[in-house]
PDB file of all heavy atoms in Angstrom:
ATOM      1  N   PRO A   1     -18.285  -8.687 -10.002  1.00  0.00           N
ATOM      2  CA  PRO A   1     -18.095  -8.783  -8.572  1.00  0.00           C
ATOM      3  C   PRO A   1     -16.753  -8.128  -8.187  1.00  0.00           C
ATOM      4  O   PRO A   1     -15.778  -8.846  -7.820  1.00  0.00           O
ATOM      5  CB  PRO A   1     -18.098 -10.266  -8.274  1.00  0.00           C
ATOM      6  CG  PRO A   1     -17.590 -10.912  -9.558  1.00  0.00           C
ATOM      7  CD  PRO A   1     -18.100 -10.027 -10.680  1.00  0.00           C
ATOM      8  N   ILE A   2     -16.668  -6.855  -8.181  1.00  0.00           N
ATOM      9  CA  ILE A   2     -15.473  -6.119  -8.083  1.00  0.00           C
ATOM     10  C   ILE A   2     -14.845  -6.311  -6.706  1.00  0.00           C
ATOM     11  O   ILE A   2     -13.595  -6.526  -6.573  1.00  0.00           O
ATOM     12  CB  ILE A   2     -15.685  -4.603  -8.290  1.00  0.00           C
ATOM     13  CG1 ILE A   2     -16.069  -4.375  -9.786  1.00  0.00           C
ATOM     14  CG2 ILE A   2     -14.501  -3.772  -7.932  1.00  0.00           C
ATOM     15  CD1 ILE A   2     -16.472  -2.955 -10.112  1.00  0.00           C
ATOM     16  N   SER A   3     -15.610  -6.250  -5.609  1.00  0.00           N
ATOM     17  CA  SER A   3     -15.021  -6.404  -4.290  1.00  0.00           C
ATOM     18  C   SER A   3     -14.425  -7.776  -4.114  1.00  0.00           C
ATOM     19  O   SER A   3     -13.280  -7.951  -3.596  1.00  0.00           O
ATOM     20  CB  SER A   3     -16.123  -6.213  -3.188  1.00  0.00           C
ATOM     21  OG  SER A   3     -16.615  -4.867  -3.264  1.00  0.00           O
ATOM     22  N   SER A   4     -15.082  -8.848  -4.538  1.00  0.00           N
ATOM     23  CA  SER A   4     -14.561 -10.183  -4.430  1.00  0.00           C
ATOM     24  C   SER A   4     -13.314 -10.369  -5.254  1.00  0.00           C
ATOM     25  O   SER A   4     -12.354 -10.941  -4.736  1.00  0.00           O
ATOM     26  CB  SER A   4     -15.682 -11.237  -4.890  1.00  0.00           C
ATOM     27  OG  SER A   4     -16.772 -11.157  -4.036  1.00  0.00           O
ATOM     28  N   LEU A   5     -13.340  -9.870  -6.418  1.00  0.00           N
ATOM     29  CA  LEU A   5     -12.126 -10.003  -7.330  1.00  0.00           C
ATOM     30  C   LEU A   5     -10.970  -9.247  -6.759  1.00  0.00           C
ATOM     31  O   LEU A   5      -9.833  -9.648  -6.867  1.00  0.00           O
ATOM     32  CB  LEU A   5     -12.502  -9.536  -8.715  1.00  0.00           C
ATOM     33  CG  LEU A   5     -13.484 -10.491  -9.470  1.00  0.00           C
ATOM     34  CD1 LEU A   5     -13.954  -9.790 -10.743  1.00  0.00           C
ATOM     35  CD2 LEU A   5     -12.814 -11.822  -9.793  1.00  0.00           C
ATOM     36  N   THR A   6     -11.284  -8.102  -6.123  1.00  0.00           N
ATOM     37  CA  THR A   6     -10.207  -7.334  -5.453  1.00  0.00           C
ATOM     38  C   THR A   6      -9.596  -8.138  -4.341  1.00  0.00           C
ATOM     39  O   THR A   6      -8.335  -8.164  -4.235  1.00  0.00           O
ATOM     40  CB  THR A   6     -10.742  -5.936  -4.977  1.00  0.00           C
ATOM     41  OG1 THR A   6     -11.252  -5.255  -6.063  1.00  0.00           O
ATOM     42  CG2 THR A   6      -9.655  -5.226  -4.316  1.00  0.00           C
ATOM     43  N   LYS A   7     -10.349  -8.753  -3.497  1.00  0.00           N
ATOM     44  CA  LYS A   7      -9.857  -9.502  -2.390  1.00  0.00           C
ATOM     45  C   LYS A   7      -9.102 -10.723  -2.901  1.00  0.00           C
ATOM     46  O   LYS A   7      -8.031 -11.051  -2.342  1.00  0.00           O
ATOM     47  CB  LYS A   7     -11.048  -9.992  -1.465  1.00  0.00           C
ATOM     48  CG  LYS A   7     -11.601  -8.872  -0.640  1.00  0.00           C
ATOM     49  CD  LYS A   7     -12.642  -9.369   0.333  1.00  0.00           C
ATOM     50  CE  LYS A   7     -13.928  -9.727  -0.365  1.00  0.00           C
ATOM     51  NZ  LYS A   7     -15.010 -10.157   0.636  1.00  0.00           N
ATOM     52  N   ASP A   8      -9.556 -11.315  -3.935  1.00  0.00           N
ATOM     53  CA  ASP A   8      -8.851 -12.476  -4.533  1.00  0.00           C
ATOM     54  C   ASP A   8      -7.459 -12.042  -5.070  1.00  0.00           C
ATOM     55  O   ASP A   8      -6.454 -12.730  -4.957  1.00  0.00           O
ATOM     56  CB  ASP A   8      -9.667 -13.139  -5.663  1.00  0.00           C
ATOM     57  CG  ASP A   8     -10.887 -13.812  -5.117  1.00  0.00           C
ATOM     58  OD1 ASP A   8     -10.954 -14.060  -3.909  1.00  0.00           O
ATOM     59  OD2 ASP A   8     -11.764 -14.097  -5.921  1.00  0.00           O
ATOM     60  N   SER A   9      -7.468 -10.883  -5.638  1.00  0.00           N
ATOM     61  CA  SER A   9      -6.181 -10.372  -6.235  1.00  0.00           C
ATOM     62  C   SER A   9      -5.121 -10.131  -5.175  1.00  0.00           C
ATOM     63  O   SER A   9      -3.941 -10.197  -5.431  1.00  0.00           O
ATOM     64  CB  SER A   9      -6.435  -9.049  -6.960  1.00  0.00           C
ATOM     65  OG  SER A   9      -7.364  -9.185  -8.024  1.00  0.00           O
ATOM     66  N   LEU A  10      -5.578  -9.851  -3.951  1.00  0.00           N
ATOM     67  CA  LEU A  10      -4.637  -9.464  -2.891  1.00  0.00           C
ATOM     68  C   LEU A  10      -4.548 -10.536  -1.791  1.00  0.00           C
ATOM     69  O   LEU A  10      -4.126 -10.239  -0.699  1.00  0.00           O
ATOM     70  CB  LEU A  10      -5.110  -8.124  -2.275  1.00  0.00           C
ATOM     71  CG  LEU A  10      -5.136  -6.948  -3.207  1.00  0.00           C
ATOM     72  CD1 LEU A  10      -5.667  -5.684  -2.519  1.00  0.00           C
ATOM     73  CD2 LEU A  10      -3.783  -6.647  -3.884  1.00  0.00           C
ATOM     74  N   ALA A  11      -4.916 -11.724  -2.167  1.00  0.00           N
ATOM     75  CA  ALA A  11      -4.925 -12.819  -1.189  1.00  0.00           C
ATOM     76  C   ALA A  11      -3.535 -13.090  -0.522  1.00  0.00           C
ATOM     77  O   ALA A  11      -3.462 -13.412   0.601  1.00  0.00           O
ATOM     78  CB  ALA A  11      -5.435 -14.116  -1.868  1.00  0.00           C
ATOM     79  N   ASP A  12      -2.520 -12.831  -1.316  1.00  0.00           N
ATOM     80  CA  ASP A  12      -1.172 -13.084  -0.804  1.00  0.00           C
ATOM     81  C   ASP A  12      -0.460 -11.877  -0.244  1.00  0.00           C
ATOM     82  O   ASP A  12       0.699 -11.861   0.059  1.00  0.00           O
ATOM     83  CB  ASP A  12      -0.291 -13.655  -1.971  1.00  0.00           C
ATOM     84  CG  ASP A  12      -0.796 -15.010  -2.460  1.00  0.00           C
ATOM     85  OD1 ASP A  12      -1.429 -15.748  -1.644  1.00  0.00           O
ATOM     86  OD2 ASP A  12      -0.586 -15.318  -3.654  1.00  0.00           O
ATOM     87  N   PHE A  13      -1.202 -10.724  -0.168  1.00  0.00           N
ATOM     88  CA  PHE A  13      -0.601  -9.483   0.352  1.00  0.00           C
ATOM     89  C   PHE A  13      -0.837  -9.403   1.892  1.00  0.00           C
ATOM     90  O   PHE A  13      -1.923  -9.696   2.321  1.00  0.00           O
ATOM     91  CB  PHE A  13      -1.221  -8.251  -0.337  1.00  0.00           C
ATOM     92  CG  PHE A  13      -0.655  -7.947  -1.750  1.00  0.00           C
ATOM     93  CD1 PHE A  13      -0.941  -8.835  -2.807  1.00  0.00           C
ATOM     94  CD2 PHE A  13       0.167  -6.926  -1.905  1.00  0.00           C
ATOM     95  CE1 PHE A  13      -0.444  -8.566  -4.093  1.00  0.00           C
ATOM     96  CE2 PHE A  13       0.765  -6.646  -3.159  1.00  0.00           C
ATOM     97  CZ  PHE A  13       0.459  -7.490  -4.223  1.00  0.00           C
ATOM     98  N   ASP A  14       0.155  -8.923   2.506  1.00  0.00           N
ATOM     99  CA  ASP A  14       0.083  -8.736   3.980  1.00  0.00           C
ATOM    100  C   ASP A  14      -0.623  -7.480   4.367  1.00  0.00           C
ATOM    101  O   ASP A  14       0.031  -6.503   4.828  1.00  0.00           O
ATOM    102  CB  ASP A  14       1.493  -8.812   4.575  1.00  0.00           C
ATOM    103  CG  ASP A  14       1.459  -8.819   6.130  1.00  0.00           C
ATOM    104  OD1 ASP A  14       0.409  -9.147   6.677  1.00  0.00           O
ATOM    105  OD2 ASP A  14       2.513  -8.431   6.730  1.00  0.00           O
ATOM    106  N   LEU A  15      -1.876  -7.401   4.010  1.00  0.00           N
ATOM    107  CA  LEU A  15      -2.727  -6.265   4.306  1.00  0.00           C
ATOM    108  C   LEU A  15      -4.023  -6.684   5.049  1.00  0.00           C
ATOM    109  O   LEU A  15      -4.504  -7.777   4.817  1.00  0.00           O
ATOM    110  CB  LEU A  15      -3.157  -5.550   2.976  1.00  0.00           C
ATOM    111  CG  LEU A  15      -2.017  -4.843   2.195  1.00  0.00           C
ATOM    112  CD1 LEU A  15      -2.614  -4.428   0.821  1.00  0.00           C
ATOM    113  CD2 LEU A  15      -1.517  -3.624   2.888  1.00  0.00           C
ATOM    114  N   ASP A  16      -4.550  -5.843   5.880  1.00  0.00           N
ATOM    115  CA  ASP A  16      -5.790  -6.124   6.542  1.00  0.00           C
ATOM    116  C   ASP A  16      -6.919  -6.037   5.468  1.00  0.00           C
ATOM    117  O   ASP A  16      -6.782  -5.474   4.470  1.00  0.00           O
ATOM    118  CB  ASP A  16      -6.071  -5.236   7.756  1.00  0.00           C
ATOM    119  CG  ASP A  16      -6.136  -3.778   7.370  1.00  0.00           C
ATOM    120  OD1 ASP A  16      -7.115  -3.375   6.754  1.00  0.00           O
ATOM    121  OD2 ASP A  16      -5.174  -3.051   7.656  1.00  0.00           O
ATOM    122  N   MET A  17      -8.108  -6.617   5.863  1.00  0.00           N
ATOM    123  CA  MET A  17      -9.148  -6.744   4.875  1.00  0.00           C
ATOM    124  C   MET A  17      -9.705  -5.346   4.483  1.00  0.00           C
ATOM    125  O   MET A  17     -10.050  -5.092   3.331  1.00  0.00           O
ATOM    126  CB  MET A  17     -10.342  -7.568   5.427  1.00  0.00           C
ATOM    127  CG  MET A  17     -11.409  -7.858   4.481  1.00  0.00           C
ATOM    128  SD  MET A  17     -10.778  -8.684   2.994  1.00  0.00           S
ATOM    129  CE  MET A  17     -10.212 -10.232   3.708  1.00  0.00           C
ATOM    130  N   LYS A  18      -9.686  -4.392   5.437  1.00  0.00           N
ATOM    131  CA  LYS A  18     -10.121  -3.085   5.060  1.00  0.00           C
ATOM    132  C   LYS A  18      -9.240  -2.439   4.038  1.00  0.00           C
ATOM    133  O   LYS A  18      -9.786  -1.797   3.059  1.00  0.00           O
ATOM    134  CB  LYS A  18     -10.162  -2.166   6.323  1.00  0.00           C
ATOM    135  CG  LYS A  18     -10.722  -0.764   6.086  1.00  0.00           C
ATOM    136  CD  LYS A  18     -10.756  -0.021   7.446  1.00  0.00           C
ATOM    137  CE  LYS A  18     -11.297   1.442   7.187  1.00  0.00           C
ATOM    138  NZ  LYS A  18     -11.355   2.228   8.441  1.00  0.00           N
ATOM    139  N   SER A  19      -7.988  -2.571   4.185  1.00  0.00           N
ATOM    140  CA  SER A  19      -7.024  -2.059   3.226  1.00  0.00           C
ATOM    141  C   SER A  19      -7.203  -2.695   1.818  1.00  0.00           C
ATOM    142  O   SER A  19      -7.088  -2.068   0.804  1.00  0.00           O
ATOM    143  CB  SER A  19      -5.581  -2.172   3.674  1.00  0.00           C
ATOM    144  OG  SER A  19      -5.413  -1.473   4.906  1.00  0.00           O
ATOM    145  N   LYS A  20      -7.424  -3.973   1.883  1.00  0.00           N
ATOM    146  CA  LYS A  20      -7.662  -4.727   0.582  1.00  0.00           C
ATOM    147  C   LYS A  20      -8.891  -4.194  -0.149  1.00  0.00           C
ATOM    148  O   LYS A  20      -8.906  -3.910  -1.328  1.00  0.00           O
ATOM    149  CB  LYS A  20      -7.740  -6.161   0.849  1.00  0.00           C
ATOM    150  CG  LYS A  20      -6.417  -6.884   1.258  1.00  0.00           C
ATOM    151  CD  LYS A  20      -6.596  -8.382   1.524  1.00  0.00           C
ATOM    152  CE  LYS A  20      -5.317  -8.995   1.993  1.00  0.00           C
ATOM    153  NZ  LYS A  20      -5.415 -10.457   2.206  1.00  0.00           N
ATOM    154  N   ILE A  21      -9.998  -4.091   0.600  1.00  0.00           N
ATOM    155  CA  ILE A  21     -11.236  -3.655  -0.016  1.00  0.00           C
ATOM    156  C   ILE A  21     -11.070  -2.193  -0.591  1.00  0.00           C
ATOM    157  O   ILE A  21     -11.713  -1.870  -1.623  1.00  0.00           O
ATOM    158  CB  ILE A  21     -12.414  -3.676   1.011  1.00  0.00           C
ATOM    159  CG1 ILE A  21     -12.754  -5.109   1.292  1.00  0.00           C
ATOM    160  CG2 ILE A  21     -13.626  -2.882   0.535  1.00  0.00           C
ATOM    161  CD1 ILE A  21     -13.360  -5.825   0.054  1.00  0.00           C
ATOM    162  N   ARG A  22     -10.320  -1.372   0.065  1.00  0.00           N
ATOM    163  CA  ARG A  22     -10.170  -0.005  -0.397  1.00  0.00           C
ATOM    164  C   ARG A  22      -9.465   0.079  -1.799  1.00  0.00           C
ATOM    165  O   ARG A  22      -9.526   1.136  -2.399  1.00  0.00           O
ATOM    166  CB  ARG A  22      -9.346   0.849   0.642  1.00  0.00           C
ATOM    167  CG  ARG A  22     -10.107   1.042   1.903  1.00  0.00           C
ATOM    168  CD  ARG A  22      -9.342   2.024   2.848  1.00  0.00           C
ATOM    169  NE  ARG A  22      -9.182   3.291   2.266  1.00  0.00           N
ATOM    170  CZ  ARG A  22      -8.556   4.307   2.886  1.00  0.00           C
ATOM    171  NH1 ARG A  22      -7.974   4.084   4.085  1.00  0.00           N
ATOM    172  NH2 ARG A  22      -8.500   5.532   2.361  1.00  0.00           N
ATOM    173  N   CYS A  23      -8.921  -1.029  -2.195  1.00  0.00           N
ATOM    174  CA  CYS A  23      -8.241  -1.058  -3.507  1.00  0.00           C
ATOM    175  C   CYS A  23      -9.233  -1.284  -4.648  1.00  0.00           C
ATOM    176  O   CYS A  23      -8.887  -1.307  -5.836  1.00  0.00           O
ATOM    177  CB  CYS A  23      -7.157  -2.072  -3.562  1.00  0.00           C
ATOM    178  SG  CYS A  23      -5.759  -1.762  -2.479  1.00  0.00           S
ATOM    179  N   LYS A  24     -10.513  -1.506  -4.293  1.00  0.00           N
ATOM    180  CA  LYS A  24     -11.485  -1.853  -5.394  1.00  0.00           C
ATOM    181  C   LYS A  24     -11.687  -0.833  -6.433  1.00  0.00           C
ATOM    182  O   LYS A  24     -12.087  -1.081  -7.529  1.00  0.00           O
ATOM    183  CB  LYS A  24     -12.848  -2.334  -4.733  1.00  0.00           C
ATOM    184  CG  LYS A  24     -13.584  -1.210  -4.068  1.00  0.00           C
ATOM    185  CD  LYS A  24     -14.851  -1.730  -3.430  1.00  0.00           C
ATOM    186  CE  LYS A  24     -15.638  -0.611  -2.708  1.00  0.00           C
ATOM    187  NZ  LYS A  24     -16.914  -1.151  -2.105  1.00  0.00           N
ATOM    188  N   ASN A  25     -11.387   0.483  -6.008  1.00  0.00           N
ATOM    189  CA  ASN A  25     -11.557   1.532  -7.042  1.00  0.00           C
ATOM    190  C   ASN A  25     -10.533   1.351  -8.181  1.00  0.00           C
ATOM    191  O   ASN A  25     -10.762   1.773  -9.336  1.00  0.00           O
ATOM    192  CB  ASN A  25     -11.405   2.900  -6.385  1.00  0.00           C
ATOM    193  CG  ASN A  25     -10.042   3.094  -5.736  1.00  0.00           C
ATOM    194  OD1 ASN A  25      -9.458   2.215  -5.112  1.00  0.00           O
ATOM    195  ND2 ASN A  25      -9.581   4.294  -5.748  1.00  0.00           N
ATOM    196  N   MET A  26      -9.399   0.660  -7.872  1.00  0.00           N
ATOM    197  CA  MET A  26      -8.373   0.460  -8.891  1.00  0.00           C
ATOM    198  C   MET A  26      -8.845  -0.688  -9.847  1.00  0.00           C
ATOM    199  O   MET A  26      -8.586  -0.639 -11.068  1.00  0.00           O
ATOM    200  CB  MET A  26      -7.066   0.095  -8.289  1.00  0.00           C
ATOM    201  CG  MET A  26      -6.364   1.283  -7.612  1.00  0.00           C
ATOM    202  SD  MET A  26      -6.022   2.628  -8.707  1.00  0.00           S
ATOM    203  CE  MET A  26      -7.238   3.824  -8.109  1.00  0.00           C
ATOM    204  N   PHE A  27      -9.599  -1.632  -9.322  1.00  0.00           N
ATOM    205  CA  PHE A  27     -10.151  -2.677 -10.214  1.00  0.00           C
ATOM    206  C   PHE A  27     -11.171  -2.007 -11.185  1.00  0.00           C
ATOM    207  O   PHE A  27     -11.124  -2.272 -12.382  1.00  0.00           O
ATOM    208  CB  PHE A  27     -10.845  -3.775  -9.386  1.00  0.00           C
ATOM    209  CG  PHE A  27     -11.076  -5.044 -10.135  1.00  0.00           C
ATOM    210  CD1 PHE A  27     -10.239  -6.086  -9.931  1.00  0.00           C
ATOM    211  CD2 PHE A  27     -12.117  -5.144 -11.013  1.00  0.00           C
ATOM    212  CE1 PHE A  27     -10.420  -7.309 -10.715  1.00  0.00           C
ATOM    213  CE2 PHE A  27     -12.417  -6.364 -11.673  1.00  0.00           C
ATOM    214  CZ  PHE A  27     -11.539  -7.405 -11.536  1.00  0.00           C
ATOM    215  N   ALA A  28     -11.988  -1.132 -10.647  1.00  0.00           N
ATOM    216  CA  ALA A  28     -12.941  -0.406 -11.478  1.00  0.00           C
ATOM    217  C   ALA A  28     -12.243   0.451 -12.475  1.00  0.00           C
ATOM    218  O   ALA A  28     -12.652   0.485 -13.668  1.00  0.00           O
ATOM    219  CB  ALA A  28     -13.883   0.447 -10.638  1.00  0.00           C
ATOM    220  N   LEU A  29     -11.137   1.077 -12.137  1.00  0.00           N
ATOM    221  CA  LEU A  29     -10.379   1.963 -13.025  1.00  0.00           C
ATOM    222  C   LEU A  29      -9.746   1.118 -14.140  1.00  0.00           C
ATOM    223  O   LEU A  29      -9.742   1.488 -15.322  1.00  0.00           O
ATOM    224  CB  LEU A  29      -9.301   2.681 -12.267  1.00  0.00           C
ATOM    225  CG  LEU A  29      -8.414   3.540 -13.104  1.00  0.00           C
ATOM    226  CD1 LEU A  29      -9.147   4.598 -13.901  1.00  0.00           C
ATOM    227  CD2 LEU A  29      -7.349   4.222 -12.198  1.00  0.00           C
ATOM    228  N   GLY A  30      -9.307  -0.135 -13.732  1.00  0.00           N
ATOM    229  CA  GLY A  30      -8.756  -1.013 -14.770  1.00  0.00           C
ATOM    230  C   GLY A  30      -9.775  -1.406 -15.799  1.00  0.00           C
ATOM    231  O   GLY A  30      -9.538  -1.451 -17.005  1.00  0.00           O
ATOM    232  N   LEU A  31     -10.966  -1.703 -15.335  1.00  0.00           N
ATOM    233  CA  LEU A  31     -12.046  -2.007 -16.287  1.00  0.00           C
ATOM    234  C   LEU A  31     -12.382  -0.876 -17.150  1.00  0.00           C
ATOM    235  O   LEU A  31     -12.591  -1.017 -18.402  1.00  0.00           O
ATOM    236  CB  LEU A  31     -13.345  -2.401 -15.503  1.00  0.00           C
ATOM    237  CG  LEU A  31     -13.407  -3.847 -14.956  1.00  0.00           C
ATOM    238  CD1 LEU A  31     -14.571  -3.964 -13.972  1.00  0.00           C
ATOM    239  CD2 LEU A  31     -13.609  -4.759 -16.128  1.00  0.00           C
ATOM    240  N   VAL A  32     -12.384   0.337 -16.637  1.00  0.00           N
ATOM    241  CA  VAL A  32     -12.658   1.542 -17.471  1.00  0.00           C
ATOM    242  C   VAL A  32     -11.604   1.757 -18.513  1.00  0.00           C
ATOM    243  O   VAL A  32     -11.885   2.153 -19.632  1.00  0.00           O
ATOM    244  CB  VAL A  32     -12.900   2.761 -16.557  1.00  0.00           C
ATOM    245  CG1 VAL A  32     -13.026   4.036 -17.408  1.00  0.00           C
ATOM    246  CG2 VAL A  32     -14.093   2.561 -15.699  1.00  0.00           C
ATOM    247  N   CYS A  33     -10.319   1.604 -18.100  1.00  0.00           N
ATOM    248  CA  CYS A  33      -9.213   1.659 -19.085  1.00  0.00           C
ATOM    249  C   CYS A  33      -9.392   0.707 -20.201  1.00  0.00           C
ATOM    250  O   CYS A  33      -9.139   1.034 -21.399  1.00  0.00           O
ATOM    251  CB  CYS A  33      -7.880   1.513 -18.387  1.00  0.00           C
ATOM    252  SG  CYS A  33      -7.396   2.825 -17.317  1.00  0.00           S
ATOM    253  N   TRP A  34      -9.794  -0.544 -19.904  1.00  0.00           N
ATOM    254  CA  TRP A  34     -10.162  -1.493 -20.892  1.00  0.00           C
ATOM    255  C   TRP A  34     -11.239  -1.086 -21.797  1.00  0.00           C
ATOM    256  O   TRP A  34     -11.185  -1.168 -23.032  1.00  0.00           O
ATOM    257  CB  TRP A  34     -10.425  -2.875 -20.230  1.00  0.00           C
ATOM    258  CG  TRP A  34     -11.188  -3.821 -21.181  1.00  0.00           C
ATOM    259  CD1 TRP A  34     -10.624  -4.500 -22.235  1.00  0.00           C
ATOM    260  CD2 TRP A  34     -12.559  -4.054 -21.186  1.00  0.00           C
ATOM    261  NE1 TRP A  34     -11.641  -5.240 -22.854  1.00  0.00           N
ATOM    262  CE2 TRP A  34     -12.834  -4.985 -22.231  1.00  0.00           C
ATOM    263  CE3 TRP A  34     -13.611  -3.585 -20.407  1.00  0.00           C
ATOM    264  CZ2 TRP A  34     -14.160  -5.436 -22.521  1.00  0.00           C
ATOM    265  CZ3 TRP A  34     -14.928  -4.058 -20.696  1.00  0.00           C
ATOM    266  CH2 TRP A  34     -15.175  -4.935 -21.772  1.00  0.00           C
ATOM    267  N   LEU A  35     -12.280  -0.556 -21.153  1.00  0.00           N
ATOM    268  CA  LEU A  35     -13.469  -0.108 -21.919  1.00  0.00           C
ATOM    269  C   LEU A  35     -13.160   0.967 -22.910  1.00  0.00           C
ATOM    270  O   LEU A  35     -13.802   1.090 -23.980  1.00  0.00           O
ATOM    271  CB  LEU A  35     -14.587   0.372 -20.924  1.00  0.00           C
ATOM    272  CG  LEU A  35     -16.019   0.541 -21.436  1.00  0.00           C
ATOM    273  CD1 LEU A  35     -16.541  -0.776 -21.874  1.00  0.00           C
ATOM    274  CD2 LEU A  35     -16.884   1.204 -20.360  1.00  0.00           C
ATOM    275  N   PHE A  36     -12.202   1.803 -22.581  1.00  0.00           N
ATOM    276  CA  PHE A  36     -11.841   2.946 -23.515  1.00  0.00           C
ATOM    277  C   PHE A  36     -10.568   2.701 -24.230  1.00  0.00           C
ATOM    278  O   PHE A  36     -10.044   3.645 -24.820  1.00  0.00           O
ATOM    279  CB  PHE A  36     -11.740   4.236 -22.668  1.00  0.00           C
ATOM    280  CG  PHE A  36     -13.096   4.751 -22.275  1.00  0.00           C
ATOM    281  CD1 PHE A  36     -13.719   4.384 -21.104  1.00  0.00           C
ATOM    282  CD2 PHE A  36     -13.759   5.646 -23.121  1.00  0.00           C
ATOM    283  CE1 PHE A  36     -14.943   4.874 -20.800  1.00  0.00           C
ATOM    284  CE2 PHE A  36     -14.976   6.148 -22.763  1.00  0.00           C
ATOM    285  CZ  PHE A  36     -15.597   5.768 -21.597  1.00  0.00           C
ATOM    286  N   ASN A  37     -10.087   1.433 -24.218  1.00  0.00           N
ATOM    287  CA  ASN A  37      -8.927   1.120 -25.023  1.00  0.00           C
ATOM    288  C   ASN A  37      -7.703   1.985 -24.701  1.00  0.00           C
ATOM    289  O   ASN A  37      -7.024   2.445 -25.539  1.00  0.00           O
ATOM    290  CB  ASN A  37      -9.240   1.243 -26.565  1.00  0.00           C
ATOM    291  CG  ASN A  37     -10.253   0.214 -27.011  1.00  0.00           C
ATOM    292  OD1 ASN A  37      -9.958  -0.959 -27.215  1.00  0.00           O
ATOM    293  ND2 ASN A  37     -11.552   0.655 -27.084  1.00  0.00           N
ATOM    294  N   LYS A  38      -7.530   2.221 -23.477  1.00  0.00           N
ATOM    295  CA  LYS A  38      -6.412   3.047 -22.951  1.00  0.00           C
ATOM    296  C   LYS A  38      -5.434   2.212 -22.172  1.00  0.00           C
ATOM    297  O   LYS A  38      -5.818   1.467 -21.244  1.00  0.00           O
ATOM    298  CB  LYS A  38      -6.926   4.217 -22.112  1.00  0.00           C
ATOM    299  CG  LYS A  38      -7.757   5.212 -22.966  1.00  0.00           C
ATOM    300  CD  LYS A  38      -8.029   6.489 -22.105  1.00  0.00           C
ATOM    301  CE  LYS A  38      -8.909   7.506 -22.915  1.00  0.00           C
ATOM    302  NZ  LYS A  38      -8.202   8.071 -24.029  1.00  0.00           N
ATOM    303  N   PRO A  39      -4.114   2.390 -22.462  1.00  0.00           N
ATOM    304  CA  PRO A  39      -3.140   1.529 -21.746  1.00  0.00           C
ATOM    305  C   PRO A  39      -2.971   1.987 -20.339  1.00  0.00           C
ATOM    306  O   PRO A  39      -3.233   3.169 -19.978  1.00  0.00           O
ATOM    307  CB  PRO A  39      -1.828   1.890 -22.577  1.00  0.00           C
ATOM    308  CG  PRO A  39      -2.067   3.173 -23.101  1.00  0.00           C
ATOM    309  CD  PRO A  39      -3.572   3.269 -23.485  1.00  0.00           C
ATOM    310  N   ILE A  40      -2.640   1.033 -19.426  1.00  0.00           N
ATOM    311  CA  ILE A  40      -2.572   1.355 -18.007  1.00  0.00           C
ATOM    312  C   ILE A  40      -1.159   1.699 -17.563  1.00  0.00           C
ATOM    313  O   ILE A  40      -0.946   1.995 -16.396  1.00  0.00           O
ATOM    314  CB  ILE A  40      -3.081   0.221 -17.153  1.00  0.00           C
ATOM    315  CG1 ILE A  40      -2.295  -1.075 -17.425  1.00  0.00           C
ATOM    316  CG2 ILE A  40      -4.589  -0.026 -17.491  1.00  0.00           C
ATOM    317  CD1 ILE A  40      -2.714  -2.175 -16.424  1.00  0.00           C
ATOM    318  N   ASP A  41      -0.114   1.655 -18.509  1.00  0.00           N
ATOM    319  CA  ASP A  41       1.196   1.887 -18.046  1.00  0.00           C
ATOM    320  C   ASP A  41       1.434   3.287 -17.435  1.00  0.00           C
ATOM    321  O   ASP A  41       2.171   3.502 -16.523  1.00  0.00           O
ATOM    322  CB  ASP A  41       2.195   1.610 -19.197  1.00  0.00           C
ATOM    323  CG  ASP A  41       1.915   2.406 -20.405  1.00  0.00           C
ATOM    324  OD1 ASP A  41       0.745   2.797 -20.556  1.00  0.00           O
ATOM    325  OD2 ASP A  41       2.821   2.532 -21.226  1.00  0.00           O
ATOM    326  N   VAL A  42       0.687   4.269 -18.070  1.00  0.00           N
ATOM    327  CA  VAL A  42       0.791   5.663 -17.514  1.00  0.00           C
ATOM    328  C   VAL A  42       0.250   5.706 -16.107  1.00  0.00           C
ATOM    329  O   VAL A  42       0.796   6.367 -15.239  1.00  0.00           O
ATOM    330  CB  VAL A  42       0.095   6.664 -18.460  1.00  0.00           C
ATOM    331  CG1 VAL A  42       0.095   8.072 -17.884  1.00  0.00           C
ATOM    332  CG2 VAL A  42       0.762   6.642 -19.866  1.00  0.00           C
ATOM    333  N   VAL A  43      -0.862   5.041 -15.966  1.00  0.00           N
ATOM    334  CA  VAL A  43      -1.535   5.040 -14.584  1.00  0.00           C
ATOM    335  C   VAL A  43      -0.603   4.336 -13.624  1.00  0.00           C
ATOM    336  O   VAL A  43      -0.500   4.696 -12.410  1.00  0.00           O
ATOM    337  CB  VAL A  43      -2.931   4.352 -14.619  1.00  0.00           C
ATOM    338  CG1 VAL A  43      -3.540   4.387 -13.238  1.00  0.00           C
ATOM    339  CG2 VAL A  43      -3.826   4.940 -15.682  1.00  0.00           C
TER     340      VAL A  43
END
């Protein structure tokens, strides 16, 4: 549930809901980095 988890991650951020949802591509990217055993510090 990428969208829900993204909203939960940003619950304390002073952003409107549209801006929060637009961050879901980064949740997907984090999952892909995990899937390929690649560190996220460079990202």
